[in-house]
């Protein structure tokens, strides 16, 4: 790594770019994330070293939002136990139907309403849900009217209202471990949680305990901490989960988009040109606002 000028990483199988590695890489100038989410990089160390950090903003937002909708339906309809029945040669309708519900009429809250969160709200609108969102900033009045989503300034006030919680906030110093035992205790008993954001936003053991007690009736996502998840990671074995490896943002369509975005930024870099402004995570020693 000492001889690198440019390092390209992904959030799906990340090489964690620590302060120690940054300090050893004396020639490093540019860190590119092939995808969205550069929290696997020590951004403060990168800023202090005068590096540029950029990612392909927007490249897989559609992919992740679609995946979140799928996971909501998988949990609400109790799909996985039914699937496991047929693969195991069983047929017990009552054994799965007692935990299956309609999505219509349920209250869904997204913690974070950035690009992915907004797309999810639009996709949930036809299901006639009660939609809530919490973020630092409100979405536009036009989008609020289109989706019927209600802004919740106080996260703790929103949580107990929700049948389903979707995590759509970036991993920052403020959100790491956000959903700990205390926060989870505020959730409605029987809540369903979807998290395609970052595994470290959740307290690992608190999620296991809540799934085991039934406080969380279902947990689905594709993000873990660390990644790849070790074989003994407790989320692999906790009840009522629908976990997968981190691939929600890695559809073939998304891969084409972020490959094209990385290629474009490399070409711009070698020509001495600026990147699209929304792609910068660290520029001139300054962190993008969501990471401060």
Protein backbone atom coordinates (compact mmCIF):
# COMPACT_ATOMS: atom_id res chain seq x y z
CA UNK A 1 0.00 0.00 0.00
CA UNK A 2 2.98 2.30 0.53
CA UNK A 3 3.38 2.88 -3.23
CA UNK A 4 -0.29 3.50 -4.05
CA UNK A 5 -1.48 6.77 -5.51
CA UNK A 6 -5.12 5.68 -5.96
CA UNK A 7 -7.02 3.05 -3.97
CA UNK A 8 -10.41 1.72 -5.09
CA UNK A 9 -12.48 -0.16 -2.51
CA UNK A 10 -16.07 -1.34 -2.15
CA UNK A 11 -18.41 -1.27 0.86
CA UNK A 12 -19.57 -4.83 0.12
CA UNK A 13 -16.32 -6.64 0.96
CA UNK A 14 -14.37 -3.73 2.37
CA UNK A 15 -10.68 -3.29 2.88
CA UNK A 16 -10.86 -1.16 6.02
CA UNK A 17 -8.77 1.92 5.34
CA UNK A 18 -7.59 2.77 8.82
CA UNK A 19 -5.57 5.76 10.02
CA UNK A 20 -2.55 3.47 10.32
CA UNK A 21 -2.83 2.38 6.69
CA UNK A 22 -3.36 5.95 5.53
CA UNK A 23 -0.25 7.09 7.42
CA UNK A 24 1.83 4.33 5.81
CA UNK A 25 0.66 5.21 2.30
CA UNK A 26 2.86 8.26 1.76
CA UNK A 27 2.02 8.55 -1.95
CA UNK A 28 -1.75 8.06 -1.62
CA UNK A 29 -3.83 10.89 -3.06
CA UNK A 30 -7.24 9.47 -3.94
CA UNK A 31 -9.63 6.98 -2.34
CA UNK A 32 -12.55 5.88 -4.50
CA UNK A 33 -15.50 3.82 -3.28
CA UNK A 34 -17.09 1.68 -5.99
CA UNK A 35 -20.58 2.08 -4.62
CA UNK A 36 -22.15 4.20 -1.89
CA UNK A 37 -20.95 4.55 1.69
CA UNK A 38 -17.33 5.31 2.56
CA UNK A 39 -17.52 4.59 6.30
CA UNK A 40 -14.99 1.77 5.88
CA UNK A 41 -12.46 4.60 5.50
CA UNK A 42 -11.22 6.61 8.48
CA UNK A 43 -12.51 9.84 7.00
CA UNK A 44 -11.00 12.14 9.60
CA UNK A 45 -7.57 10.60 9.01
CA UNK A 46 -8.08 10.94 5.26
CA UNK A 47 -9.02 14.60 5.67
CA UNK A 48 -6.04 15.25 7.93
CA UNK A 49 -3.74 13.67 5.34
CA UNK A 50 -5.13 15.89 2.59
CA UNK A 51 -6.63 13.01 0.63
CA UNK A 52 -9.65 13.09 -1.63
CA UNK A 53 -12.38 10.54 -0.91
CA UNK A 54 -15.17 10.10 -3.42
CA UNK A 55 -17.89 7.60 -4.22
CA UNK A 56 -20.39 6.98 -7.00
CA UNK A 57 -23.31 8.77 -5.40
CA UNK A 58 -26.70 7.52 -6.56
CA UNK A 59 -25.31 4.47 -8.34
CA UNK A 60 -27.29 1.87 -6.43
CA UNK A 61 -30.08 3.79 -4.73
CA UNK A 62 -32.79 2.16 -6.85
CA UNK A 63 -31.29 -1.28 -6.22
CA UNK A 64 -31.24 -0.84 -2.43
CA UNK A 65 -34.71 0.73 -2.24
CA UNK A 66 -36.21 -2.15 -4.24
CA UNK A 67 -34.44 -4.63 -1.98
CA UNK A 68 -35.81 -2.90 1.13
CA UNK A 69 -39.35 -3.20 -0.22
CA UNK A 70 -38.76 -6.90 -0.87
CA UNK A 71 -37.49 -7.43 2.67
CA UNK A 72 -40.48 -5.63 4.17
CA UNK A 73 -42.81 -7.98 2.31
CA UNK A 74 -40.74 -11.06 3.21
CA UNK A 75 -41.07 -10.19 6.91
CA UNK A 76 -44.68 -9.01 6.89
CA UNK A 77 -45.92 -12.08 5.00
CA UNK A 78 -43.75 -14.50 7.03
CA UNK A 79 -42.37 -15.79 3.74
CA UNK A 80 -39.24 -17.61 4.88
CA UNK A 81 -40.87 -20.11 7.28
CA UNK A 82 -43.31 -21.02 4.49
CA UNK A 83 -40.47 -21.48 2.03
CA UNK A 84 -38.57 -23.62 4.51
CA UNK A 85 -41.66 -25.80 4.96
CA UNK A 86 -41.85 -26.75 1.31
CA UNK A 87 -38.11 -27.35 0.99
CA UNK A 88 -38.34 -29.68 3.99
CA UNK A 89 -41.35 -31.59 2.64
CA UNK A 90 -43.81 -30.12 5.16
CA UNK A 91 -47.29 -28.56 4.77
CA UNK A 92 -48.57 -26.64 7.77
CA UNK A 93 -50.50 -23.55 6.70
CA UNK A 94 -51.53 -22.65 10.23
CA UNK A 95 -47.89 -22.85 11.30
CA UNK A 96 -46.98 -19.87 9.12
CA UNK A 97 -50.25 -17.98 8.62
CA UNK A 98 -50.50 -16.94 12.26
CA UNK A 99 -47.54 -14.61 11.74
CA UNK A 100 -48.49 -13.36 8.26
CA UNK A 101 -50.05 -9.93 7.79
CA UNK A 102 -51.01 -7.49 5.05
CA UNK A 103 -48.73 -4.52 4.49
CA UNK A 104 -51.74 -2.28 3.86
CA UNK A 105 -52.61 -0.19 6.87
CA UNK A 106 -49.32 -0.75 8.67
CA UNK A 107 -47.17 2.13 9.88
CA UNK A 108 -43.73 2.17 8.27
CA UNK A 109 -41.06 4.55 9.48
CA UNK A 110 -37.75 5.24 7.77
CA UNK A 111 -34.85 6.45 9.88
CA UNK A 112 -33.21 8.60 7.25
CA UNK A 113 -34.85 10.02 4.15
CA UNK A 114 -31.97 10.61 1.78
CA UNK A 115 -31.90 9.26 -1.76
CA UNK A 116 -32.74 5.68 -0.78
CA UNK A 117 -35.26 6.62 1.90
CA UNK A 118 -37.15 8.90 -0.50
CA UNK A 119 -37.29 6.21 -3.17
CA UNK A 120 -38.61 3.73 -0.61
CA UNK A 121 -41.37 6.14 0.44
CA UNK A 122 -42.43 6.48 -3.21
CA UNK A 123 -42.49 2.72 -3.67
CA UNK A 124 -44.50 2.16 -0.49
CA UNK A 125 -47.19 4.68 -1.43
CA UNK A 126 -49.30 2.20 -3.52
CA UNK A 127 -49.48 -0.19 -0.54
CA UNK A 128 -51.62 2.31 1.40
CA UNK A 129 -49.33 2.35 4.43
CA UNK A 130 -49.06 5.05 7.03
CA UNK A 131 -45.63 6.48 6.19
CA UNK A 132 -43.38 8.30 8.66
CA UNK A 133 -39.83 9.56 8.30
CA UNK A 134 -37.13 10.99 10.54
CA UNK A 135 -34.16 12.94 9.20
CA UNK A 136 -32.14 16.06 9.88
CA UNK A 137 -33.95 17.76 7.01
CA UNK A 138 -37.50 17.50 5.74
CA UNK A 139 -38.15 16.19 2.25
CA UNK A 140 -39.76 18.60 -0.22
CA UNK A 141 -43.43 19.54 0.29
CA UNK A 142 -44.10 18.09 -3.17
CA UNK A 143 -42.71 14.68 -2.17
CA UNK A 144 -44.52 14.78 1.16
CA UNK A 145 -47.77 15.36 -0.72
CA UNK A 146 -46.97 12.67 -3.31
CA UNK A 147 -46.17 10.00 -0.72
CA UNK A 148 -48.34 11.15 2.15
CA UNK A 149 -45.30 10.75 4.42
CA UNK A 150 -45.26 12.61 7.74
CA UNK A 151 -42.09 14.16 9.16
CA UNK A 152 -41.16 13.07 12.69
CA UNK A 153 -38.61 15.44 14.22
CA UNK A 154 -38.27 13.35 17.39
CA UNK A 155 -36.98 9.85 16.62
CA UNK A 156 -37.93 8.50 20.04
CA UNK A 157 -41.50 9.68 19.48
CA UNK A 158 -41.66 8.01 16.05
CA UNK A 159 -40.30 4.60 17.01
CA UNK A 160 -43.20 3.29 19.14
CA UNK A 161 -45.67 4.25 16.40
CA UNK A 162 -44.10 1.96 13.80
CA UNK A 163 -44.98 -1.60 12.87
CA UNK A 164 -41.96 -1.61 10.56
CA UNK A 165 -38.69 0.32 10.89
CA UNK A 166 -36.32 0.77 7.94
CA UNK A 167 -32.79 2.02 8.59
CA UNK A 168 -31.64 4.45 5.91
CA UNK A 169 -29.16 6.64 7.77
CA UNK A 170 -25.41 6.71 7.07
CA UNK A 171 -22.95 5.33 9.60
CA UNK A 172 -21.36 8.24 11.44
CA UNK A 173 -20.00 8.92 14.91
CA UNK A 174 -23.57 9.89 15.86
CA UNK A 175 -25.27 6.79 14.48
CA UNK A 176 -22.80 4.03 15.37
CA UNK A 177 -24.53 1.75 17.87
CA UNK A 178 -27.64 3.96 17.72
CA UNK A 179 -30.04 1.05 18.09
CA UNK A 180 -28.87 -0.23 21.45
CA UNK A 181 -30.91 -1.97 24.15
CA UNK A 182 -32.45 1.31 25.31
CA UNK A 183 -33.47 2.41 21.82
CA UNK A 184 -34.87 -1.00 20.93
CA UNK A 185 -36.93 -0.94 24.15
CA UNK A 186 -38.83 2.04 22.69
CA UNK A 187 -39.98 -0.03 19.70
CA UNK A 188 -43.40 -1.62 19.54
CA UNK A 189 -43.40 -5.27 20.62
CA UNK A 190 -43.50 -7.36 17.46
CA UNK A 191 -41.78 -4.71 15.33
CA UNK A 192 -40.15 -5.66 12.05
CA UNK A 193 -36.78 -4.10 11.16
CA UNK A 194 -35.10 -3.80 7.76
CA UNK A 195 -31.50 -2.58 7.66
CA UNK A 196 -29.58 -2.27 4.41
CA UNK A 197 -27.67 0.77 5.70
CA UNK A 198 -24.81 -0.40 7.94
CA UNK A 199 -24.60 -3.19 10.48
CA UNK A 200 -22.73 -1.08 13.02
CA UNK A 201 -25.76 1.21 13.43
CA UNK A 202 -27.23 -1.66 15.47
CA UNK A 203 -25.92 -3.05 18.74
CA UNK A 204 -25.28 -6.64 17.64
CA UNK A 205 -26.20 -8.38 20.89
CA UNK A 206 -29.20 -6.12 21.56
CA UNK A 207 -30.68 -7.21 18.22
CA UNK A 208 -30.05 -10.88 19.04
CA UNK A 209 -31.67 -10.52 22.46
CA UNK A 210 -34.72 -8.69 21.07
CA UNK A 211 -35.21 -11.26 18.29
CA UNK A 212 -34.89 -14.07 20.83
CA UNK A 213 -37.47 -12.52 23.16
CA UNK A 214 -39.88 -11.69 20.31
CA UNK A 215 -39.68 -7.95 20.91
CA UNK A 216 -38.34 -7.81 17.34
CA UNK A 217 -40.59 -10.19 15.38
CA UNK A 218 -38.37 -10.13 12.32
CA UNK A 219 -35.05 -8.62 11.29
CA UNK A 220 -33.83 -8.51 7.69
CA UNK A 221 -30.88 -6.85 6.04
CA UNK A 222 -27.65 -7.50 4.24
CA UNK A 223 -25.23 -5.38 6.24
CA UNK A 224 -23.09 -6.72 9.08
CA UNK A 225 -20.20 -5.62 11.23
CA UNK A 226 -17.55 -6.58 10.45
CA UNK A 227 -17.79 -7.65 6.83
CA UNK A 228 -17.46 -10.34 5.69
CA UNK A 229 -19.40 -11.59 8.71
CA UNK A 230 -17.45 -14.24 10.62
CA UNK A 231 -18.95 -17.73 10.75
CA UNK A 232 -19.81 -17.29 14.42
CA UNK A 233 -21.59 -13.96 13.97
CA UNK A 234 -24.73 -14.29 16.13
CA UNK A 235 -27.02 -12.76 13.50
CA UNK A 236 -26.49 -15.90 11.43
CA UNK A 237 -28.23 -17.98 14.09
CA UNK A 238 -30.76 -15.70 15.81
CA UNK A 239 -34.48 -16.51 15.37
CA UNK A 240 -36.81 -14.68 13.00
CA UNK A 241 -34.16 -13.25 10.71
CA UNK A 242 -33.89 -12.95 6.93
CA UNK A 243 -30.24 -11.97 6.55
CA UNK A 244 -28.13 -12.16 3.39
CA UNK A 245 -24.57 -11.14 2.47
CA UNK A 246 -24.17 -7.51 1.46
CA UNK A 247 -25.56 -7.56 -2.06
CA UNK A 248 -28.66 -5.32 -2.12
CA UNK A 249 -26.70 -2.65 -3.98
CA UNK A 250 -24.85 -5.06 -6.24
CA UNK A 251 -27.37 -5.94 -8.90
CA UNK A 252 -25.94 -6.23 -12.41
CA UNK A 253 -27.56 -2.88 -13.22
CA UNK A 254 -25.94 -1.24 -10.18
CA UNK A 255 -22.55 -2.78 -11.00
CA UNK A 256 -22.70 -1.21 -14.45
CA UNK A 257 -23.51 2.17 -12.91
CA UNK A 258 -20.78 2.22 -10.29
CA UNK A 259 -18.19 0.78 -12.68
CA UNK A 260 -19.00 3.59 -15.10
CA UNK A 261 -18.82 6.11 -12.24
CA UNK A 262 -15.39 4.90 -11.09
CA UNK A 263 -14.10 4.96 -14.66
CA UNK A 264 -15.39 8.50 -15.10
CA UNK A 265 -13.72 9.73 -11.91
CA UNK A 266 -10.42 8.05 -12.78
CA UNK A 267 -10.45 9.71 -16.20
CA UNK A 268 -11.24 13.07 -14.60
CA UNK A 269 -8.50 12.58 -11.99
CA UNK A 270 -5.78 11.87 -14.55
CA UNK A 271 -6.92 14.88 -16.58
CA UNK A 272 -6.85 17.10 -13.49
CA UNK A 273 -10.61 17.68 -13.64
CA UNK A 274 -13.13 17.99 -10.82
CA UNK A 275 -15.55 15.18 -9.94
CA UNK A 276 -19.31 15.72 -9.79
CA UNK A 277 -19.71 17.70 -6.59
CA UNK A 278 -22.13 15.19 -5.03
CA UNK A 279 -19.50 12.43 -5.25
CA UNK A 280 -17.06 14.05 -2.82
CA UNK A 281 -16.91 12.68 0.72
CA UNK A 282 -13.64 14.41 1.62
CA UNK A 283 -12.34 17.34 -0.38
CA UNK A 284 -9.65 19.82 0.61
CA UNK A 285 -9.63 18.48 4.16
CA UNK A 286 -13.38 18.97 4.58
CA UNK A 287 -15.84 16.17 5.29
CA UNK A 288 -19.19 16.05 3.52
CA UNK A 289 -21.92 17.31 5.83
CA UNK A 290 -23.50 13.91 6.59
CA UNK A 291 -20.22 12.64 8.04
CA UNK A 292 -19.46 15.60 10.30
